[in-house]
N, C-alpha and C. Protein backbone atom coordinates (compact mmCIF):
# COMPACT_ATOMS: atom_id res chain seq x y z
N MET A 1 0.77 -1.13 0.16
CA MET A 1 0.05 0.21 -0.10
C MET A 1 0.93 1.30 0.11
N ASP A 2 0.30 2.20 -0.59
CA ASP A 2 1.36 3.61 -1.08
C ASP A 2 0.45 3.94 0.34
N TYR A 3 1.16 4.32 1.20
CA TYR A 3 0.62 4.99 2.63
C TYR A 3 0.88 6.71 2.65
N ILE A 4 1.92 6.95 1.58
CA ILE A 4 1.71 8.67 1.29
C ILE A 4 0.22 8.72 0.64
N GLU A 5 0.15 8.38 -0.85
CA GLU A 5 -1.06 8.57 -1.30
C GLU A 5 -2.06 8.13 -0.38
N TRP A 6 -2.41 7.36 0.45
CA TRP A 6 -3.50 6.69 1.22
C TRP A 6 -3.41 7.75 2.40
N PHE A 7 -2.09 8.99 2.92
CA PHE A 7 -2.26 9.88 3.65
C PHE A 7 -3.62 10.69 2.89
N TYR A 8 -2.99 11.25 2.05
CA TYR A 8 -4.02 12.05 1.54
C TYR A 8 -5.04 12.23 1.80
N LYS A 9 -5.92 11.18 1.42
CA LYS A 9 -7.22 10.56 1.25
C LYS A 9 -7.53 10.64 2.64
N ARG A 10 -7.36 10.21 3.39
CA ARG A 10 -7.70 10.02 4.51
C ARG A 10 -7.69 11.54 5.35
N VAL A 11 -7.06 12.25 4.95
CA VAL A 11 -7.07 13.78 5.85
C VAL A 11 -7.96 14.26 5.13
N SER A 12 -8.59 13.97 3.95
CA SER A 12 -9.78 14.47 3.02
C SER A 12 -10.89 13.86 3.57
N GLN A 13 -11.01 12.27 4.07
CA GLN A 13 -11.96 11.36 4.11
C GLN A 13 -12.42 11.74 6.01
N LEU A 14 -11.55 12.13 6.87
CA LEU A 14 -11.80 12.56 7.81
C LEU A 14 -12.42 13.74 8.02
N ARG A 15 -12.08 14.56 7.14
CA ARG A 15 -12.28 16.09 7.17
C ARG A 15 -13.74 16.23 7.06
N THR A 16 -14.21 15.28 6.03
CA THR A 16 -15.33 15.52 5.14
C THR A 16 -16.68 14.77 6.29
N GLN A 17 -16.01 14.01 6.71
CA GLN A 17 -17.01 13.37 7.70
C GLN A 17 -17.21 13.88 9.09
N LYS A 18 -16.06 14.98 9.21
CA LYS A 18 -16.25 15.70 10.40
C LYS A 18 -17.16 17.05 10.17
N GLY A 19 -17.26 17.05 8.43
CA GLY A 19 -18.36 18.18 7.96
C GLY A 19 -17.81 19.48 8.04
N VAL A 20 -16.24 19.64 8.19
CA VAL A 20 -15.74 21.18 8.23
C VAL A 20 -15.18 21.25 6.71
N SER A 21 -14.89 22.65 6.21
CA SER A 21 -14.05 23.03 5.24
C SER A 21 -12.54 22.63 5.34
N ALA A 22 -11.75 22.81 4.38
CA ALA A 22 -10.65 22.57 4.55
C ALA A 22 -9.72 24.09 5.15
N ARG A 23 -10.52 24.76 4.71
CA ARG A 23 -10.23 26.04 5.79
C ARG A 23 -10.21 26.60 6.89
N GLU A 24 -11.40 25.92 7.30
CA GLU A 24 -11.84 25.75 9.30
C GLU A 24 -10.86 25.00 9.63
N MET A 25 -10.55 23.78 9.23
CA MET A 25 -9.50 22.90 10.04
C MET A 25 -8.29 23.65 9.87
N SER A 26 -7.74 24.35 9.10
CA SER A 26 -6.59 24.83 8.70
C SER A 26 -6.17 25.61 9.93
N LEU A 27 -7.25 26.70 9.97
CA LEU A 27 -7.56 27.67 10.79
C LEU A 27 -7.80 27.35 12.20
N ALA A 28 -8.10 26.11 12.59
CA ALA A 28 -8.17 25.51 14.04
C ALA A 28 -7.18 24.54 14.25
N LEU A 29 -5.94 24.16 13.55
CA LEU A 29 -5.06 23.99 13.54
C LEU A 29 -3.79 25.06 13.89
N GLY A 30 -4.16 26.13 13.58
CA GLY A 30 -3.42 27.57 14.02
C GLY A 30 -2.59 27.62 12.74
N GLN A 31 -3.05 27.01 11.63
CA GLN A 31 -1.92 27.38 10.09
C GLN A 31 -2.77 28.27 9.29
N SER A 32 -1.90 28.23 7.66
CA SER A 32 -2.44 29.16 7.10
C SER A 32 -4.07 28.83 6.36
N GLU A 33 -4.40 29.62 5.98
CA GLU A 33 -6.14 29.06 5.29
C GLU A 33 -5.37 27.86 4.21
N SER A 34 -4.66 27.84 3.58
CA SER A 34 -4.73 26.81 2.59
C SER A 34 -3.75 25.86 3.35
N TYR A 35 -3.56 25.46 4.55
CA TYR A 35 -2.51 24.36 4.78
C TYR A 35 -3.11 23.55 4.52
N VAL A 36 -4.85 22.76 4.80
CA VAL A 36 -4.80 21.22 4.49
C VAL A 36 -5.20 21.27 2.99
N ASN A 37 -5.51 22.53 2.36
CA ASN A 37 -5.90 22.35 1.01
C ASN A 37 -4.41 21.81 0.41
N LYS A 38 -3.33 22.07 0.89
CA LYS A 38 -2.09 21.84 0.46
C LYS A 38 -2.02 20.34 0.33
N ILE A 39 -2.35 19.96 1.36
CA ILE A 39 -2.19 18.68 2.40
C ILE A 39 -2.80 17.43 1.19
N GLU A 40 -4.22 17.72 0.94
CA GLU A 40 -5.36 16.99 0.20
C GLU A 40 -5.06 16.81 -0.96
N ASN A 41 -4.31 18.18 -1.62
CA ASN A 41 -3.84 18.26 -3.15
C ASN A 41 -2.34 17.75 -3.34
N LYS A 42 -2.11 17.11 -2.53
CA LYS A 42 -0.47 16.31 -2.63
C LYS A 42 0.46 17.24 -2.50
N ARG A 43 0.37 18.55 -2.50
CA ARG A 43 1.44 19.62 -2.52
C ARG A 43 2.35 19.35 -1.12
N THR A 44 2.01 18.62 -0.12
CA THR A 44 2.81 19.20 0.94
C THR A 44 2.29 17.89 1.99
N LEU A 45 3.22 17.53 2.74
CA LEU A 45 2.60 17.01 3.92
C LEU A 45 3.25 17.35 5.13
N PRO A 46 2.52 16.98 6.36
CA PRO A 46 2.91 17.85 7.81
C PRO A 46 3.96 17.60 8.39
N SER A 47 4.25 18.04 9.20
CA SER A 47 5.60 17.51 9.85
C SER A 47 4.90 16.33 10.86
N LEU A 48 5.99 15.84 11.98
CA LEU A 48 5.67 14.56 12.80
C LEU A 48 4.42 15.63 13.44
N THR A 49 5.17 16.69 13.97
CA THR A 49 4.25 17.68 15.14
C THR A 49 2.94 18.12 14.37
N GLY A 50 2.66 18.44 13.21
CA GLY A 50 1.63 18.75 12.49
C GLY A 50 0.44 17.17 12.42
N PHE A 51 1.46 16.07 12.08
CA PHE A 51 0.76 15.02 12.15
C PHE A 51 -0.14 14.85 13.52
N ILE A 52 0.70 15.29 14.50
CA ILE A 52 0.22 14.98 15.84
C ILE A 52 -1.22 15.76 16.44
N TYR A 53 -1.24 17.13 15.87
CA TYR A 53 -1.91 18.12 15.42
C TYR A 53 -3.38 17.65 14.84
N ILE A 54 -3.46 17.27 13.97
CA ILE A 54 -3.86 16.55 12.67
C ILE A 54 -4.81 15.62 13.67
N CYS A 55 -4.10 14.68 14.37
CA CYS A 55 -4.66 13.36 15.27
C CYS A 55 -5.66 14.05 16.32
N GLU A 56 -5.21 14.69 16.81
CA GLU A 56 -5.64 15.68 17.99
C GLU A 56 -7.46 15.91 17.64
N TYR A 57 -6.92 17.18 16.31
CA TYR A 57 -8.08 17.60 16.41
C TYR A 57 -9.42 16.66 15.28
N PHE A 58 -9.18 15.18 14.98
CA PHE A 58 -10.11 14.39 14.86
C PHE A 58 -10.61 13.76 16.02
N ASN A 59 -9.65 13.91 17.09
CA ASN A 59 -9.64 13.12 18.26
C ASN A 59 -9.46 11.54 17.78
N LEU A 60 -8.40 11.28 17.58
CA LEU A 60 -8.09 10.24 17.07
C LEU A 60 -6.26 9.75 17.04
N THR A 61 -5.98 8.81 17.92
CA THR A 61 -4.29 8.61 17.92
C THR A 61 -3.92 8.24 16.61
N PRO A 62 -2.50 8.30 16.53
CA PRO A 62 -2.06 8.06 15.40
C PRO A 62 -2.55 6.79 14.78
N GLN A 63 -2.39 5.68 15.74
CA GLN A 63 -2.81 4.40 15.05
C GLN A 63 -4.40 4.24 14.86
N GLU A 64 -5.08 4.96 15.38
CA GLU A 64 -6.53 4.93 14.83
C GLU A 64 -6.35 5.78 13.77
N PHE A 65 -5.61 6.55 13.61
CA PHE A 65 -5.67 7.55 12.07
C PHE A 65 -5.39 6.33 11.09
N PHE A 66 -4.15 5.42 11.10
CA PHE A 66 -3.43 4.76 10.07
C PHE A 66 -4.69 3.65 10.22
N ASN A 67 -5.39 2.92 10.66
CA ASN A 67 -6.20 1.82 10.84
C ASN A 67 -7.26 1.98 9.69
N ASP A 68 -6.50 1.33 8.46
CA ASP A 68 -7.11 1.29 6.95
C ASP A 68 -8.65 0.12 6.83
N ASN A 69 -8.64 -0.35 8.12
CA ASN A 69 -9.79 -1.25 8.35
C ASN A 69 -11.24 -0.36 8.97
N ASP A 70 -11.09 0.90 9.35
CA ASP A 70 -12.01 1.79 9.94
C ASP A 70 -12.16 2.79 8.78
N ALA A 71 -13.31 2.80 8.28
CA ALA A 71 -13.39 4.06 7.32
C ALA A 71 -13.69 5.14 8.06
N SER A 72 -14.69 4.84 9.46
CA SER A 72 -14.86 5.98 10.15
C SER A 72 -14.88 5.93 11.35
N PRO A 73 -13.19 6.06 11.39
CA PRO A 73 -12.89 6.07 13.25
C PRO A 73 -13.55 6.78 14.21
N GLN A 74 -13.94 7.88 14.31
CA GLN A 74 -14.33 8.73 15.25
C GLN A 74 -15.99 8.29 15.46
N LYS A 75 -16.65 7.87 14.50
CA LYS A 75 -17.87 6.79 14.62
C LYS A 75 -17.53 5.55 15.37
N SER A 76 -17.04 5.16 14.88
CA SER A 76 -16.16 3.86 15.62
C SER A 76 -15.88 4.01 17.46
N LYS A 77 -15.39 5.33 17.43
CA LYS A 77 -14.72 5.91 19.12
C LYS A 77 -16.07 6.17 19.32
N GLU A 78 -16.73 6.88 18.85
CA GLU A 78 -17.95 7.10 19.68
C GLU A 78 -18.82 6.07 20.13
N LEU A 79 -18.65 5.21 19.20
CA LEU A 79 -19.92 3.85 18.99
C LEU A 79 -19.36 2.95 20.47
N MET A 80 -18.37 2.98 20.63
CA MET A 80 -17.56 2.01 22.26
C MET A 80 -17.83 2.78 22.77
N GLN A 81 -17.46 4.33 23.03
CA GLN A 81 -17.95 5.16 24.16
C GLN A 81 -19.28 4.66 24.81
N GLU A 82 -20.20 4.79 24.00
CA GLU A 82 -21.49 4.63 24.37
C GLU A 82 -21.82 2.84 24.65
N PHE A 83 -20.97 2.31 23.61
CA PHE A 83 -21.20 0.80 24.11
C PHE A 83 -20.86 0.49 25.47
N GLU A 84 -19.60 1.25 25.72
CA GLU A 84 -19.26 0.83 27.45
C GLU A 84 -20.18 1.16 28.51
N LYS A 85 -21.29 1.56 28.46
CA LYS A 85 -22.36 2.30 29.28
C LYS A 85 -23.34 1.38 28.89
N LEU A 86 -23.30 0.57 28.50
CA LEU A 86 -24.32 -0.57 28.41
C LEU A 86 -24.27 -1.63 29.42
N THR A 87 -25.54 -2.48 30.23
CA THR A 87 -25.19 -3.19 30.63
C THR A 87 -24.90 -4.31 29.62
N PRO A 88 -24.81 -5.49 30.54
CA PRO A 88 -24.43 -7.09 29.72
C PRO A 88 -25.22 -7.35 28.60
N THR A 89 -26.22 -7.55 29.31
CA THR A 89 -27.80 -7.68 28.51
C THR A 89 -28.38 -6.89 27.32
N GLN A 90 -27.87 -5.41 27.46
CA GLN A 90 -28.22 -4.65 26.46
C GLN A 90 -26.96 -5.32 25.47
N ALA A 91 -25.72 -4.96 26.11
CA ALA A 91 -24.59 -4.63 24.93
C ALA A 91 -24.79 -6.33 23.94
N ASP A 92 -25.25 -7.37 24.59
CA ASP A 92 -25.47 -8.82 23.76
C ASP A 92 -26.76 -8.47 22.64
N HIS A 93 -27.58 -7.91 23.58
CA HIS A 93 -28.55 -7.26 22.18
C HIS A 93 -28.12 -6.33 21.08
N ILE A 94 -27.16 -5.74 21.16
CA ILE A 94 -26.74 -4.65 20.43
C ILE A 94 -25.57 -5.18 19.30
N LEU A 95 -24.62 -6.45 20.27
CA LEU A 95 -24.06 -7.10 19.49
C LEU A 95 -24.70 -7.75 18.74
N GLN A 96 -25.53 -8.99 18.65
CA GLN A 96 -26.72 -9.57 17.89
C GLN A 96 -27.42 -8.75 16.37
N VAL A 97 -27.27 -7.35 16.83
CA VAL A 97 -27.90 -6.23 16.02
C VAL A 97 -26.96 -5.91 14.91
N ILE A 98 -25.53 -6.09 15.21
CA ILE A 98 -24.94 -5.66 14.36
C ILE A 98 -24.29 -6.73 13.64
N LYS A 99 -24.07 -7.76 14.05
CA LYS A 99 -23.99 -9.52 13.48
C LYS A 99 -25.10 -9.52 12.38
N ASP A 100 -26.18 -9.31 12.63
CA ASP A 100 -27.21 -9.03 11.72
C ASP A 100 -27.00 -8.43 10.81
N LEU A 101 -26.53 -7.14 11.11
CA LEU A 101 -26.50 -6.07 9.72
C LEU A 101 -25.65 -6.87 9.16
N ASN A 102 -24.36 -7.02 9.69
CA ASN A 102 -23.27 -7.36 8.99
C ASN A 102 -23.15 -8.78 8.10
N SER A 103 -24.59 -9.73 8.23
CA SER A 103 -24.81 -10.87 7.65
C SER A 103 -25.18 -10.85 6.77
N LYS A 104 -25.87 -9.58 6.15
CA LYS A 104 -26.72 -9.35 5.11
C LYS A 104 -26.00 -8.54 3.69
């Protein structure tokens, strides 16, 4: 897998899922208005520090960011936080619903 190419797409994917513009994200990261646009258009890569800030912006760990099996890590994280609040019986029910949905 070409992780550099994948990286550009991942930033765009996560930003779109969060529902913010590239400009909004750039400014929230304390960068120039075009910072995220340059990343998504393959003109630059962030420094390691910049990457850490991007992960923090998305509320993800670097490991979660690079988990290419999870198309929506922010939603997965939120789902797990809610799932952990359930009783064992409720968790069993939800798990069965998920299994049913995945089998179709």
